[in-house]
Amino acid sequence: MHKSLDYGHWTAPFRLRHPHGAKVLWPFAIVLILLSIAIIPLAAQTTPPKDASPQLSPAQSFDLSDEVVRDVLSNFQRALEDHNLDRVLAVFDADAMENYPRFRDQMVAFFRLHDSIKFRYQLLQVNEIKDAGFATADVEMDAEPADILPTEHRRTAQMRFQLKRNDNLWKVTDLTPADFFTQ
């Protein structure tokens, strides 16, 4: 709205004039209101609720796939490279892993002996049998010793990871060769 300089009150910036005035606009306005009243409930019925999400069956949501194994191995990789022992051990299922205390001690010693770690993997194969999974990957690791004269040690191996579904997560329950982090 514009303020008129002449009269000091507010007026519209333009005027709508129709030769028949409001007589023609009333029926149009009534039709528009009736249409909106009829259409809005129909639109509300056809749109799904916003909080509804597609539900996956338990088998679909827990299937072991290449993507799931990559997530597990990527978490393992980041934890190793970040030098974070707790996150490395979180990838493993302490209850289901036979030699977990021995493995944990190996990882503690490995982190004490190495400052910088670069870990790479290439996933080769993923298999699932019931609620157990197996993944094979080519692994390459460069570990820089914490010595005065550090010299990187490159290790390569084809590793086999055994995984088990634990609640909503897949965790590693075994890896071969078991001495990869002690060489």
N, C-alpha and C. Protein backbone atom coordinates (compact mmCIF):
# COMPACT_ATOMS: atom_id res chain seq x y z
N MET A 1 0.84 -1.17 0.00
CA MET A 1 0.00 0.00 0.00
C MET A 1 0.89 1.24 0.00
N HIS A 2 0.44 2.25 -0.65
CA HIS A 2 1.16 3.51 -0.72
C HIS A 2 0.49 4.54 0.17
N LYS A 3 1.28 5.44 0.66
CA LYS A 3 0.73 6.54 1.45
C LYS A 3 0.48 7.70 0.49
N SER A 4 -0.72 8.14 0.47
CA SER A 4 -1.06 9.24 -0.42
C SER A 4 -0.51 10.54 0.16
N LEU A 5 0.13 11.33 -0.68
CA LEU A 5 0.69 12.59 -0.21
C LEU A 5 -0.41 13.64 0.03
N ASP A 6 -1.50 13.51 -0.69
CA ASP A 6 -2.55 14.52 -0.59
C ASP A 6 -3.38 14.38 0.68
N TYR A 7 -3.75 13.19 1.02
CA TYR A 7 -4.73 13.04 2.08
C TYR A 7 -4.15 12.44 3.36
N GLY A 8 -2.95 11.89 3.33
CA GLY A 8 -2.32 11.35 4.53
C GLY A 8 -2.90 10.01 4.98
N HIS A 9 -3.57 9.29 4.12
CA HIS A 9 -4.07 7.95 4.48
C HIS A 9 -3.58 6.93 3.45
N TRP A 10 -3.75 5.68 3.81
CA TRP A 10 -3.23 4.60 2.97
C TRP A 10 -4.22 4.26 1.87
N THR A 11 -3.69 4.07 0.64
CA THR A 11 -4.52 3.68 -0.49
C THR A 11 -3.78 2.61 -1.28
N ALA A 12 -4.51 1.88 -2.09
CA ALA A 12 -3.91 0.85 -2.95
C ALA A 12 -3.14 1.53 -4.07
N PRO A 13 -2.04 0.94 -4.55
CA PRO A 13 -1.25 1.56 -5.61
C PRO A 13 -1.96 1.55 -6.96
N PHE A 14 -3.02 0.76 -7.10
CA PHE A 14 -3.78 0.72 -8.34
C PHE A 14 -5.23 0.41 -8.00
N ARG A 15 -6.10 0.65 -8.89
CA ARG A 15 -7.52 0.38 -8.66
C ARG A 15 -8.00 -0.61 -9.70
N LEU A 16 -8.76 -1.60 -9.23
CA LEU A 16 -9.38 -2.54 -10.14
C LEU A 16 -10.79 -2.04 -10.44
N ARG A 17 -11.05 -1.84 -11.67
CA ARG A 17 -12.38 -1.38 -12.05
C ARG A 17 -12.95 -2.34 -13.08
N HIS A 18 -14.14 -2.75 -12.85
CA HIS A 18 -14.84 -3.62 -13.76
C HIS A 18 -16.17 -2.96 -14.07
N PRO A 19 -16.63 -3.01 -15.31
CA PRO A 19 -17.86 -2.30 -15.64
C PRO A 19 -19.07 -2.76 -14.83
N HIS A 20 -19.09 -4.01 -14.40
CA HIS A 20 -20.24 -4.52 -13.66
C HIS A 20 -19.99 -4.52 -12.15
N GLY A 21 -18.80 -4.18 -11.71
CA GLY A 21 -18.49 -4.09 -10.29
C GLY A 21 -18.46 -5.45 -9.61
N ALA A 22 -18.90 -5.48 -8.36
CA ALA A 22 -18.83 -6.68 -7.54
C ALA A 22 -19.86 -7.72 -7.94
N LYS A 23 -20.86 -7.36 -8.75
CA LYS A 23 -21.89 -8.32 -9.16
C LYS A 23 -21.29 -9.50 -9.90
N VAL A 24 -20.26 -9.30 -10.69
CA VAL A 24 -19.63 -10.37 -11.47
C VAL A 24 -18.64 -11.16 -10.61
N LEU A 25 -17.98 -10.53 -9.67
CA LEU A 25 -16.95 -11.20 -8.88
C LEU A 25 -17.51 -12.14 -7.83
N TRP A 26 -18.71 -11.90 -7.29
CA TRP A 26 -19.27 -12.77 -6.24
C TRP A 26 -19.44 -14.21 -6.71
N PRO A 27 -20.07 -14.46 -7.84
CA PRO A 27 -20.21 -15.88 -8.26
C PRO A 27 -18.86 -16.55 -8.48
N PHE A 28 -17.91 -15.81 -9.02
CA PHE A 28 -16.57 -16.37 -9.23
C PHE A 28 -15.93 -16.72 -7.89
N ALA A 29 -16.05 -15.86 -6.92
CA ALA A 29 -15.47 -16.10 -5.59
C ALA A 29 -16.13 -17.31 -4.93
N ILE A 30 -17.43 -17.46 -5.06
CA ILE A 30 -18.15 -18.60 -4.47
C ILE A 30 -17.71 -19.91 -5.11
N VAL A 31 -17.58 -19.93 -6.43
CA VAL A 31 -17.11 -21.13 -7.13
C VAL A 31 -15.69 -21.50 -6.68
N LEU A 32 -14.84 -20.52 -6.54
CA LEU A 32 -13.46 -20.74 -6.11
C LEU A 32 -13.42 -21.31 -4.69
N ILE A 33 -14.23 -20.80 -3.81
CA ILE A 33 -14.27 -21.31 -2.43
C ILE A 33 -14.79 -22.74 -2.39
N LEU A 34 -15.85 -23.04 -3.13
CA LEU A 34 -16.40 -24.40 -3.16
C LEU A 34 -15.40 -25.40 -3.73
N LEU A 35 -14.69 -25.00 -4.78
CA LEU A 35 -13.68 -25.89 -5.35
C LEU A 35 -12.56 -26.16 -4.35
N SER A 36 -12.11 -25.15 -3.66
CA SER A 36 -11.03 -25.36 -2.69
C SER A 36 -11.49 -26.24 -1.54
N ILE A 37 -12.75 -26.10 -1.12
CA ILE A 37 -13.27 -26.96 -0.05
C ILE A 37 -13.35 -28.41 -0.52
N ALA A 38 -13.68 -28.64 -1.77
CA ALA A 38 -13.79 -30.00 -2.30
C ALA A 38 -12.43 -30.62 -2.59
N ILE A 39 -11.46 -29.84 -3.04
CA ILE A 39 -10.18 -30.37 -3.47
C ILE A 39 -9.23 -30.64 -2.30
N ILE A 40 -9.22 -29.81 -1.29
CA ILE A 40 -8.27 -29.97 -0.18
C ILE A 40 -8.42 -31.31 0.53
N PRO A 41 -9.63 -31.78 0.88
CA PRO A 41 -9.72 -33.11 1.51
C PRO A 41 -9.26 -34.23 0.58
N LEU A 42 -9.51 -34.11 -0.72
CA LEU A 42 -9.04 -35.14 -1.65
C LEU A 42 -7.53 -35.18 -1.71
N ALA A 43 -6.90 -34.03 -1.71
CA ALA A 43 -5.43 -33.98 -1.74
C ALA A 43 -4.85 -34.56 -0.45
N ALA A 44 -5.51 -34.30 0.67
CA ALA A 44 -5.02 -34.83 1.94
C ALA A 44 -5.13 -36.35 1.98
N GLN A 45 -6.14 -36.92 1.33
CA GLN A 45 -6.31 -38.37 1.33
C GLN A 45 -5.29 -39.06 0.45
N THR A 46 -4.86 -38.44 -0.62
CA THR A 46 -3.94 -39.08 -1.56
C THR A 46 -2.49 -38.96 -1.16
N THR A 47 -2.13 -38.00 -0.31
CA THR A 47 -0.72 -37.86 0.10
C THR A 47 -0.47 -38.72 1.32
N PRO A 48 0.62 -39.52 1.31
CA PRO A 48 0.92 -40.35 2.46
C PRO A 48 1.40 -39.49 3.61
N PRO A 49 1.24 -39.96 4.83
CA PRO A 49 1.76 -39.21 5.98
C PRO A 49 3.26 -39.02 5.86
N LYS A 50 3.74 -37.87 6.34
CA LYS A 50 5.16 -37.55 6.20
C LYS A 50 6.05 -38.46 7.01
N ASP A 51 5.57 -38.97 8.14
CA ASP A 51 6.42 -39.81 8.98
C ASP A 51 6.41 -41.27 8.55
N ALA A 52 5.60 -41.62 7.57
CA ALA A 52 5.57 -43.01 7.11
C ALA A 52 6.80 -43.28 6.26
N SER A 53 7.51 -44.31 6.60
CA SER A 53 8.67 -44.70 5.81
C SER A 53 8.51 -46.15 5.41
N PRO A 54 9.11 -46.54 4.30
CA PRO A 54 8.97 -47.93 3.90
C PRO A 54 9.60 -48.85 4.94
N GLN A 55 8.87 -49.85 5.32
CA GLN A 55 9.34 -50.79 6.33
C GLN A 55 10.04 -51.95 5.63
N LEU A 56 11.22 -52.26 6.11
CA LEU A 56 11.97 -53.39 5.58
C LEU A 56 11.75 -54.58 6.48
N SER A 57 11.66 -55.72 5.87
CA SER A 57 11.56 -56.92 6.69
C SER A 57 12.91 -57.15 7.35
N PRO A 58 12.96 -57.89 8.47
CA PRO A 58 14.24 -58.12 9.13
C PRO A 58 15.29 -58.73 8.20
N ALA A 59 14.87 -59.60 7.28
CA ALA A 59 15.84 -60.21 6.38
C ALA A 59 16.45 -59.17 5.45
N GLN A 60 15.63 -58.22 4.98
CA GLN A 60 16.15 -57.20 4.06
C GLN A 60 17.09 -56.24 4.77
N SER A 61 16.75 -55.85 5.99
CA SER A 61 17.54 -54.83 6.65
C SER A 61 18.86 -55.38 7.19
N PHE A 62 18.99 -56.69 7.30
CA PHE A 62 20.19 -57.24 7.90
C PHE A 62 21.04 -58.05 6.94
N ASP A 63 20.67 -58.11 5.68
CA ASP A 63 21.43 -58.90 4.72
C ASP A 63 22.85 -58.35 4.61
N LEU A 64 23.78 -59.29 4.53
CA LEU A 64 25.17 -58.91 4.33
C LEU A 64 25.39 -58.65 2.85
N SER A 65 25.91 -57.49 2.54
CA SER A 65 26.17 -57.13 1.16
C SER A 65 27.57 -56.53 1.08
N ASP A 66 28.02 -56.28 -0.14
CA ASP A 66 29.32 -55.62 -0.32
C ASP A 66 29.33 -54.28 0.41
N GLU A 67 28.22 -53.56 0.33
CA GLU A 67 28.14 -52.24 0.96
C GLU A 67 28.27 -52.34 2.48
N VAL A 68 27.62 -53.32 3.07
CA VAL A 68 27.69 -53.51 4.53
C VAL A 68 29.12 -53.85 4.94
N VAL A 69 29.76 -54.75 4.21
CA VAL A 69 31.14 -55.12 4.53
C VAL A 69 32.07 -53.92 4.34
N ARG A 70 31.85 -53.14 3.29
CA ARG A 70 32.67 -51.93 3.10
C ARG A 70 32.50 -50.96 4.27
N ASP A 71 31.29 -50.86 4.80
CA ASP A 71 31.07 -49.99 5.97
C ASP A 71 31.88 -50.49 7.16
N VAL A 72 31.85 -51.80 7.41
CA VAL A 72 32.60 -52.37 8.53
C VAL A 72 34.10 -52.15 8.33
N LEU A 73 34.59 -52.46 7.13
CA LEU A 73 36.03 -52.32 6.87
C LEU A 73 36.46 -50.86 6.83
N SER A 74 35.59 -49.98 6.38
CA SER A 74 35.92 -48.54 6.39
C SER A 74 36.03 -48.03 7.83
N ASN A 75 35.14 -48.49 8.70
CA ASN A 75 35.26 -48.11 10.12
C ASN A 75 36.57 -48.62 10.71
N PHE A 76 36.93 -49.84 10.35
CA PHE A 76 38.19 -50.43 10.81
C PHE A 76 39.37 -49.61 10.28
N GLN A 77 39.32 -49.26 9.00
CA GLN A 77 40.39 -48.47 8.36
C GLN A 77 40.55 -47.11 9.04
N ARG A 78 39.43 -46.39 9.22
CA ARG A 78 39.51 -45.07 9.86
C ARG A 78 40.04 -45.17 11.28
N ALA A 79 39.61 -46.18 12.01
CA ALA A 79 40.06 -46.34 13.39
C ALA A 79 41.57 -46.62 13.44
N LEU A 80 42.06 -47.47 12.54
CA LEU A 80 43.50 -47.74 12.48
C LEU A 80 44.28 -46.47 12.14
N GLU A 81 43.83 -45.78 11.10
CA GLU A 81 44.55 -44.58 10.65
C GLU A 81 44.46 -43.44 11.65
N ASP A 82 43.38 -43.39 12.41
CA ASP A 82 43.24 -42.36 13.46
C ASP A 82 43.95 -42.76 14.74
N HIS A 83 44.49 -43.98 14.74
CA HIS A 83 45.22 -44.49 15.91
C HIS A 83 44.29 -44.54 17.13
N ASN A 84 43.08 -45.04 16.90
CA ASN A 84 42.05 -45.08 17.93
C ASN A 84 41.74 -46.53 18.28
N LEU A 85 42.34 -47.01 19.35
CA LEU A 85 42.21 -48.40 19.76
C LEU A 85 40.76 -48.77 20.09
N ASP A 86 40.06 -47.91 20.79
CA ASP A 86 38.67 -48.20 21.17
C ASP A 86 37.78 -48.41 19.94
N ARG A 87 37.96 -47.57 18.93
CA ARG A 87 37.16 -47.72 17.71
C ARG A 87 37.57 -48.96 16.93
N VAL A 88 38.85 -49.32 16.95
CA VAL A 88 39.28 -50.55 16.28
C VAL A 88 38.59 -51.74 16.95
N LEU A 89 38.65 -51.78 18.28
CA LEU A 89 38.06 -52.91 19.01
C LEU A 89 36.54 -52.93 18.89
N ALA A 90 35.90 -51.79 18.66
CA ALA A 90 34.45 -51.74 18.52
C ALA A 90 33.98 -52.44 17.25
N VAL A 91 34.86 -52.62 16.28
CA VAL A 91 34.50 -53.31 15.04
C VAL A 91 34.37 -54.82 15.30
N PHE A 92 34.98 -55.30 16.36
CA PHE A 92 35.01 -56.72 16.67
C PHE A 92 34.00 -57.08 17.75
N ASP A 93 33.48 -58.30 17.68
CA ASP A 93 32.52 -58.79 18.66
C ASP A 93 33.29 -59.54 19.75
N ALA A 94 33.48 -58.88 20.89
CA ALA A 94 34.29 -59.45 21.97
C ALA A 94 33.71 -60.75 22.50
N ASP A 95 32.40 -60.87 22.52
CA ASP A 95 31.76 -62.08 23.05
C ASP A 95 31.86 -63.27 22.09
N ALA A 96 31.76 -63.01 20.81
CA ALA A 96 31.76 -64.09 19.83
C ALA A 96 33.15 -64.46 19.31
N MET A 97 34.14 -63.63 19.56
CA MET A 97 35.49 -63.87 19.06
C MET A 97 36.25 -64.75 20.05
N GLU A 98 36.70 -65.91 19.59
CA GLU A 98 37.37 -66.88 20.48
C GLU A 98 38.60 -66.30 21.17
N ASN A 99 39.47 -65.68 20.42
CA ASN A 99 40.74 -65.19 20.96
C ASN A 99 40.74 -63.67 21.13
N TYR A 100 39.61 -63.11 21.54
CA TYR A 100 39.51 -61.66 21.65
C TYR A 100 40.55 -61.06 22.60
N PRO A 101 40.76 -61.60 23.81
CA PRO A 101 41.78 -61.00 24.69
C PRO A 101 43.17 -60.97 24.05
N ARG A 102 43.51 -62.05 23.35
CA ARG A 102 44.82 -62.11 22.67
C ARG A 102 44.88 -61.07 21.55
N PHE A 103 43.79 -60.97 20.77
CA PHE A 103 43.74 -59.99 19.69
C PHE A 103 43.83 -58.57 20.24
N ARG A 104 43.10 -58.29 21.31
CA ARG A 104 43.14 -56.96 21.93
C ARG A 104 44.57 -56.62 22.36
N ASP A 105 45.27 -57.58 22.99
CA ASP A 105 46.66 -57.35 23.42
C ASP A 105 47.57 -57.10 22.21
N GLN A 106 47.34 -57.83 21.10
CA GLN A 106 48.12 -57.60 19.88
C GLN A 106 47.92 -56.18 19.37
N MET A 107 46.66 -55.71 19.38
CA MET A 107 46.37 -54.37 18.88
C MET A 107 46.97 -53.30 19.80
N VAL A 108 46.95 -53.52 21.11
CA VAL A 108 47.57 -52.57 22.05
C VAL A 108 49.06 -52.47 21.76
N ALA A 109 49.72 -53.62 21.59
CA ALA A 109 51.15 -53.63 21.29
C ALA A 109 51.43 -52.99 19.92
N PHE A 110 50.57 -53.27 18.94
CA PHE A 110 50.75 -52.71 17.61
C PHE A 110 50.68 -51.17 17.66
N PHE A 111 49.73 -50.63 18.38
CA PHE A 111 49.61 -49.18 18.47
C PHE A 111 50.77 -48.56 19.24
N ARG A 112 51.32 -49.28 20.20
CA ARG A 112 52.49 -48.75 20.93
C ARG A 112 53.72 -48.71 20.05
N LEU A 113 53.84 -49.66 19.13
CA LEU A 113 55.02 -49.77 18.28
C LEU A 113 54.96 -48.89 17.02
N HIS A 114 53.76 -48.39 16.67
CA HIS A 114 53.60 -47.65 15.41
C HIS A 114 52.91 -46.31 15.63
N ASP A 115 53.48 -45.29 14.98
CA ASP A 115 52.91 -43.95 15.08
C ASP A 115 51.87 -43.69 14.00
N SER A 116 52.26 -43.89 12.77
CA SER A 116 51.41 -43.57 11.64
C SER A 116 51.05 -44.85 10.90
N ILE A 117 49.77 -44.99 10.56
CA ILE A 117 49.31 -46.21 9.89
C ILE A 117 48.46 -45.81 8.69
N LYS A 118 48.78 -46.42 7.56
CA LYS A 118 47.96 -46.26 6.36
C LYS A 118 47.45 -47.65 6.00
N PHE A 119 46.14 -47.77 5.89
CA PHE A 119 45.50 -49.06 5.66
C PHE A 119 44.60 -48.96 4.44
N ARG A 120 44.79 -49.89 3.49
CA ARG A 120 43.98 -49.92 2.28
C ARG A 120 43.48 -51.35 2.07
N TYR A 121 42.31 -51.44 1.47
CA TYR A 121 41.77 -52.77 1.18
C TYR A 121 41.01 -52.74 -0.14
N GLN A 122 40.94 -53.90 -0.76
CA GLN A 122 40.15 -54.10 -1.97
C GLN A 122 39.27 -55.32 -1.70
N LEU A 123 37.99 -55.10 -1.59
CA LEU A 123 37.05 -56.18 -1.31
C LEU A 123 36.96 -57.09 -2.52
N LEU A 124 37.14 -58.38 -2.28
CA LEU A 124 37.12 -59.35 -3.38
C LEU A 124 35.84 -60.17 -3.42
N GLN A 125 35.37 -60.60 -2.24
CA GLN A 125 34.24 -61.52 -2.21
C GLN A 125 33.49 -61.38 -0.89
N VAL A 126 32.16 -61.52 -0.96
CA VAL A 126 31.31 -61.49 0.23
C VAL A 126 30.32 -62.64 0.13
N ASN A 127 30.23 -63.44 1.20
CA ASN A 127 29.29 -64.55 1.28
C ASN A 127 28.55 -64.49 2.60
N GLU A 128 27.29 -64.94 2.58
CA GLU A 128 26.51 -65.01 3.81
C GLU A 128 25.88 -66.38 3.92
N ILE A 129 26.02 -66.98 5.09
CA ILE A 129 25.39 -68.26 5.38
C ILE A 129 24.63 -68.07 6.68
N LYS A 130 23.29 -68.09 6.58
CA LYS A 130 22.41 -67.80 7.71
C LYS A 130 22.76 -66.44 8.29
N ASP A 131 23.15 -66.37 9.57
CA ASP A 131 23.49 -65.07 10.15
C ASP A 131 24.99 -64.88 10.30
N ALA A 132 25.77 -65.65 9.56
CA ALA A 132 27.23 -65.50 9.55
C ALA A 132 27.65 -65.02 8.16
N GLY A 133 28.68 -64.18 8.13
CA GLY A 133 29.15 -63.67 6.86
C GLY A 133 30.65 -63.84 6.74
N PHE A 134 31.11 -63.89 5.51
CA PHE A 134 32.53 -64.03 5.22
C PHE A 134 32.90 -63.05 4.13
N ALA A 135 34.02 -62.38 4.32
CA ALA A 135 34.50 -61.43 3.32
C ALA A 135 35.98 -61.65 3.11
N THR A 136 36.39 -61.59 1.87
CA THR A 136 37.79 -61.72 1.51
C THR A 136 38.22 -60.40 0.87
N ALA A 137 39.39 -59.91 1.31
CA ALA A 137 39.88 -58.64 0.80
C ALA A 137 41.39 -58.67 0.69
N ASP A 138 41.91 -58.02 -0.36
CA ASP A 138 43.34 -57.78 -0.45
C ASP A 138 43.62 -56.56 0.44
N VAL A 139 44.57 -56.72 1.35
CA VAL A 139 44.87 -55.67 2.32
C VAL A 139 46.32 -55.25 2.18
N GLU A 140 46.53 -53.93 2.26
CA GLU A 140 47.88 -53.37 2.23
C GLU A 140 47.97 -52.34 3.35
N MET A 141 49.04 -52.44 4.15
CA MET A 141 49.20 -51.53 5.27
C MET A 141 50.63 -51.02 5.33
N ASP A 142 50.76 -49.71 5.48
CA ASP A 142 52.05 -49.08 5.73
C ASP A 142 52.02 -48.59 7.16
N ALA A 143 52.90 -49.16 7.99
CA ALA A 143 52.95 -48.78 9.40
C ALA A 143 54.33 -48.19 9.70
N GLU A 144 54.33 -46.97 10.21
CA GLU A 144 55.58 -46.28 10.54
C GLU A 144 55.91 -46.56 12.01
N PRO A 145 57.06 -47.21 12.26
CA PRO A 145 57.43 -47.51 13.64
C PRO A 145 57.68 -46.24 14.46
N ALA A 146 57.52 -46.37 15.77
CA ALA A 146 57.73 -45.24 16.68
C ALA A 146 59.20 -45.12 17.06
N ASP A 147 60.11 -45.74 16.31
CA ASP A 147 61.55 -45.68 16.59
C ASP A 147 62.10 -44.29 16.29
N ILE A 148 63.36 -44.11 16.67
CA ILE A 148 64.06 -42.85 16.40
C ILE A 148 64.23 -42.66 14.90
N LEU A 149 64.58 -43.72 14.19
CA LEU A 149 64.74 -43.68 12.74
C LEU A 149 63.60 -44.48 12.10
N PRO A 150 62.44 -43.86 11.98
CA PRO A 150 61.30 -44.62 11.47
C PRO A 150 61.45 -45.00 10.01
N THR A 151 61.18 -46.23 9.71
CA THR A 151 61.15 -46.74 8.36
C THR A 151 59.83 -47.48 8.20
N GLU A 152 59.05 -47.05 7.22
CA GLU A 152 57.75 -47.67 7.04
C GLU A 152 57.90 -49.14 6.69
N HIS A 153 57.01 -49.93 7.24
CA HIS A 153 56.95 -51.36 6.94
C HIS A 153 55.65 -51.61 6.20
N ARG A 154 55.78 -52.10 4.98
CA ARG A 154 54.59 -52.41 4.19
C ARG A 154 54.25 -53.88 4.36
N ARG A 155 52.99 -54.11 4.65
CA ARG A 155 52.50 -55.48 4.78
C ARG A 155 51.34 -55.65 3.81
N THR A 156 51.33 -56.78 3.16
CA THR A 156 50.22 -57.10 2.26
C THR A 156 49.76 -58.52 2.56
N ALA A 157 48.49 -58.73 2.39
CA ALA A 157 47.93 -60.07 2.61
C ALA A 157 46.53 -60.12 2.02
N GLN A 158 46.10 -61.33 1.78
CA GLN A 158 44.69 -61.53 1.47
C GLN A 158 44.04 -61.96 2.78
N MET A 159 43.18 -61.09 3.30
CA MET A 159 42.56 -61.35 4.61
C MET A 159 41.16 -61.88 4.42
N ARG A 160 40.81 -62.76 5.34
CA ARG A 160 39.44 -63.29 5.39
C ARG A 160 38.83 -62.83 6.70
N PHE A 161 37.72 -62.13 6.60
CA PHE A 161 37.00 -61.64 7.77
C PHE A 161 35.74 -62.48 7.95
N GLN A 162 35.53 -62.94 9.17
CA GLN A 162 34.28 -63.61 9.49
C GLN A 162 33.45 -62.61 10.28
N LEU A 163 32.20 -62.46 9.87
CA LEU A 163 31.33 -61.47 10.51
C LEU A 163 30.07 -62.13 11.05
N LYS A 164 29.53 -61.51 12.08
CA LYS A 164 28.30 -62.02 12.67
C LYS A 164 27.38 -60.84 12.93
N ARG A 165 26.10 -61.08 12.68
CA ARG A 165 25.11 -60.05 12.93
C ARG A 165 24.86 -59.97 14.43
N ASN A 166 25.02 -58.77 14.97
CA ASN A 166 24.83 -58.54 16.40
C ASN A 166 23.83 -57.39 16.53
N ASP A 167 22.59 -57.70 16.89
CA ASP A 167 21.50 -56.73 16.92
C ASP A 167 21.36 -56.13 15.52
N ASN A 168 21.65 -54.85 15.36
CA ASN A 168 21.51 -54.19 14.06
C ASN A 168 22.82 -54.05 13.33
N LEU A 169 23.91 -54.56 13.90
CA LEU A 169 25.24 -54.36 13.31
C LEU A 169 25.90 -55.68 12.97
N TRP A 170 26.73 -55.61 11.95
CA TRP A 170 27.62 -56.73 11.64
C TRP A 170 28.95 -56.41 12.30
N LYS A 171 29.50 -57.40 13.01
CA LYS A 171 30.80 -57.22 13.65
C LYS A 171 31.71 -58.37 13.26
N VAL A 172 33.00 -58.10 13.30
CA VAL A 172 34.00 -59.11 12.93
C VAL A 172 34.19 -60.05 14.12
N THR A 173 34.15 -61.35 13.83
CA THR A 173 34.36 -62.35 14.89
C THR A 173 35.66 -63.12 14.70
N ASP A 174 36.28 -62.97 13.54
CA ASP A 174 37.56 -63.63 13.30
C ASP A 174 38.20 -63.03 12.06
N LEU A 175 39.51 -63.03 12.04
CA LEU A 175 40.22 -62.61 10.83
C LEU A 175 41.45 -63.49 10.65
N THR A 176 41.74 -63.74 9.39
CA THR A 176 42.87 -64.59 9.02
C THR A 176 43.67 -63.86 7.95
N PRO A 177 44.95 -63.74 8.03
CA PRO A 177 45.86 -64.30 9.03
C PRO A 177 45.78 -63.50 10.35
N ALA A 178 45.73 -64.22 11.44
CA ALA A 178 45.58 -63.61 12.76
C ALA A 178 46.84 -62.84 13.18
N ASP A 179 47.99 -63.19 12.60
CA ASP A 179 49.24 -62.55 13.01
C ASP A 179 49.59 -61.34 12.12
N PHE A 180 48.66 -60.85 11.32
CA PHE A 180 48.94 -59.74 10.41
C PHE A 180 49.44 -58.50 11.16
N PHE A 181 48.94 -58.26 12.35
CA PHE A 181 49.34 -57.07 13.11
C PHE A 181 50.50 -57.32 14.06
N THR A 182 51.08 -58.53 14.03
CA THR A 182 52.21 -58.82 14.91
C THR A 182 53.51 -59.00 14.14
N GLN A 183 53.46 -59.01 12.83
CA GLN A 183 54.68 -59.26 12.02
C GLN A 183 55.67 -58.13 12.17
